[in-house]
Amino acid sequence: MHIDIDKDVCIGAGQCALAAPGVFTQDDDGYSTLLPGGGDGAGDPMVRAAARACPVGAITVRDGTA
């Protein structure tokens, strides 16, 4: 699984960090970022729910590593 956060689209709503706190957090400016080691979803079943919760669609989750 590969997770991508479009930093140009992210508005810092924090819904991803609320839905999957083991994978997402917010940086010093309040924008979404992955926790260290979180780029592959770390097997967290809430990753896709977190992507769907993003109000601006800034998170893309893909199977594989591409």
C-alpha atoms as a PDB file:
ATOM      1  CA  MET A   1       0.000   0.000   0.000  1.00  0.00           C
ATOM      2  CA  HIS A   2       1.230   3.488  -0.831  1.00  0.00           C
ATOM      3  CA  ILE A   3      -0.153   6.690   0.684  1.00  0.00           C
ATOM      4  CA  ASP A   4       0.285  10.068  -0.953  1.00  0.00           C
ATOM      5  CA  ILE A   5      -0.719  13.417   0.550  1.00  0.00           C
ATOM      6  CA  ASP A   6      -1.054  16.305  -1.898  1.00  0.00           C
ATOM      7  CA  LYS A   7       0.395  19.152   0.162  1.00  0.00           C
ATOM      8  CA  ASP A   8      -0.939  21.701  -2.342  1.00  0.00           C
ATOM      9  CA  VAL A   9      -4.505  20.526  -1.712  1.00  0.00           C
ATOM     10  CA  CYS A  10      -4.380  19.771   2.042  1.00  0.00           C
ATOM     11  CA  ILE A  11      -6.165  22.369   4.186  1.00  0.00           C
ATOM     12  CA  GLY A  12      -5.175  20.920   7.563  1.00  0.00           C
ATOM     13  CA  ALA A  13      -8.635  19.729   8.618  1.00  0.00           C
ATOM     14  CA  GLY A  14      -7.039  16.864  10.564  1.00  0.00           C
ATOM     15  CA  GLN A  15      -9.690  14.271   9.749  1.00  0.00           C
ATOM     16  CA  CYS A  16      -7.031  11.806   8.624  1.00  0.00           C
ATOM     17  CA  ALA A  17      -5.172  12.073  11.927  1.00  0.00           C
ATOM     18  CA  LEU A  18      -8.415  11.528  13.803  1.00  0.00           C
ATOM     19  CA  ALA A  19      -9.365   8.487  11.705  1.00  0.00           C
ATOM     20  CA  ALA A  20      -5.940   6.796  11.594  1.00  0.00           C
ATOM     21  CA  PRO A  21      -3.697   8.321  14.306  1.00  0.00           C
ATOM     22  CA  GLY A  22      -1.166   5.526  13.917  1.00  0.00           C
ATOM     23  CA  VAL A  23      -0.422   6.610  10.351  1.00  0.00           C
ATOM     24  CA  PHE A  24      -1.215  10.337  10.027  1.00  0.00           C
ATOM     25  CA  THR A  25      -0.325  13.386  12.077  1.00  0.00           C
ATOM     26  CA  GLN A  26      -0.149  17.117  11.455  1.00  0.00           C
ATOM     27  CA  ASP A  27       3.043  19.099  10.948  1.00  0.00           C
ATOM     28  CA  ASP A  28       3.943  22.338  12.724  1.00  0.00           C
ATOM     29  CA  ASP A  29       1.807  24.284  10.251  1.00  0.00           C
ATOM     30  CA  GLY A  30      -1.206  22.024  10.813  1.00  0.00           C
ATOM     31  CA  TYR A  31      -1.033  20.149   7.512  1.00  0.00           C
ATOM     32  CA  SER A  32      -1.315  16.394   7.174  1.00  0.00           C
ATOM     33  CA  THR A  33       1.818  14.303   7.148  1.00  0.00           C
ATOM     34  CA  LEU A  34       2.679  10.663   7.609  1.00  0.00           C
ATOM     35  CA  LEU A  35       4.212   9.427  10.806  1.00  0.00           C
ATOM     36  CA  PRO A  36       7.679   7.908  10.338  1.00  0.00           C
ATOM     37  CA  GLY A  37       7.154   4.473   8.805  1.00  0.00           C
ATOM     38  CA  GLY A  38       3.528   5.269   7.979  1.00  0.00           C
ATOM     39  CA  GLY A  39       3.964   5.536   4.218  1.00  0.00           C
ATOM     40  CA  ASP A  40       2.845   1.974   3.619  1.00  0.00           C
ATOM     41  CA  GLY A  41      -0.214   2.196   5.860  1.00  0.00           C
ATOM     42  CA  ALA A  42       1.464   0.053   8.499  1.00  0.00           C
ATOM     43  CA  GLY A  43      -1.392  -2.421   8.149  1.00  0.00           C
ATOM     44  CA  ASP A  44      -3.816   0.064   9.676  1.00  0.00           C
ATOM     45  CA  PRO A  45      -7.364  -0.827   8.581  1.00  0.00           C
ATOM     46  CA  MET A  46      -8.444   2.812   8.957  1.00  0.00           C
ATOM     47  CA  VAL A  47      -6.133   4.238   6.268  1.00  0.00           C
ATOM     48  CA  ARG A  48      -8.756   4.120   3.529  1.00  0.00           C
ATOM     49  CA  ALA A  49     -11.376   5.580   5.877  1.00  0.00           C
ATOM     50  CA  ALA A  50      -8.954   8.401   6.667  1.00  0.00           C
ATOM     51  CA  ALA A  51      -8.520   9.125   2.951  1.00  0.00           C
ATOM     52  CA  ARG A  52     -12.301   9.189   2.480  1.00  0.00           C
ATOM     53  CA  ALA A  53     -12.651  11.519   5.483  1.00  0.00           C
ATOM     54  CA  CYS A  54     -10.432  14.171   3.888  1.00  0.00           C
ATOM     55  CA  PRO A  55     -12.795  17.001   2.939  1.00  0.00           C
ATOM     56  CA  VAL A  56     -10.648  18.066  -0.024  1.00  0.00           C
ATOM     57  CA  GLY A  57      -9.471  14.657  -1.284  1.00  0.00           C
ATOM     58  CA  ALA A  58      -5.803  15.347  -0.622  1.00  0.00           C
ATOM     59  CA  ILE A  59      -5.006  11.715   0.280  1.00  0.00           C
ATOM     60  CA  THR A  60      -4.544   8.947  -2.255  1.00  0.00           C
ATOM     61  CA  VAL A  61      -4.169   5.311  -1.172  1.00  0.00           C
ATOM     62  CA  ARG A  62      -2.938   2.785  -3.735  1.00  0.00           C
ATOM     63  CA  ASP A  63      -2.168  -0.900  -3.507  1.00  0.00           C
ATOM     64  CA  GLY A  64       1.439  -1.767  -4.248  1.00  0.00           C
ATOM     65  CA  THR A  65       4.378   0.622  -4.071  1.00  0.00           C
ATOM     66  CA  ALA A  66       3.946   2.584  -7.311  1.00  0.00           C
END
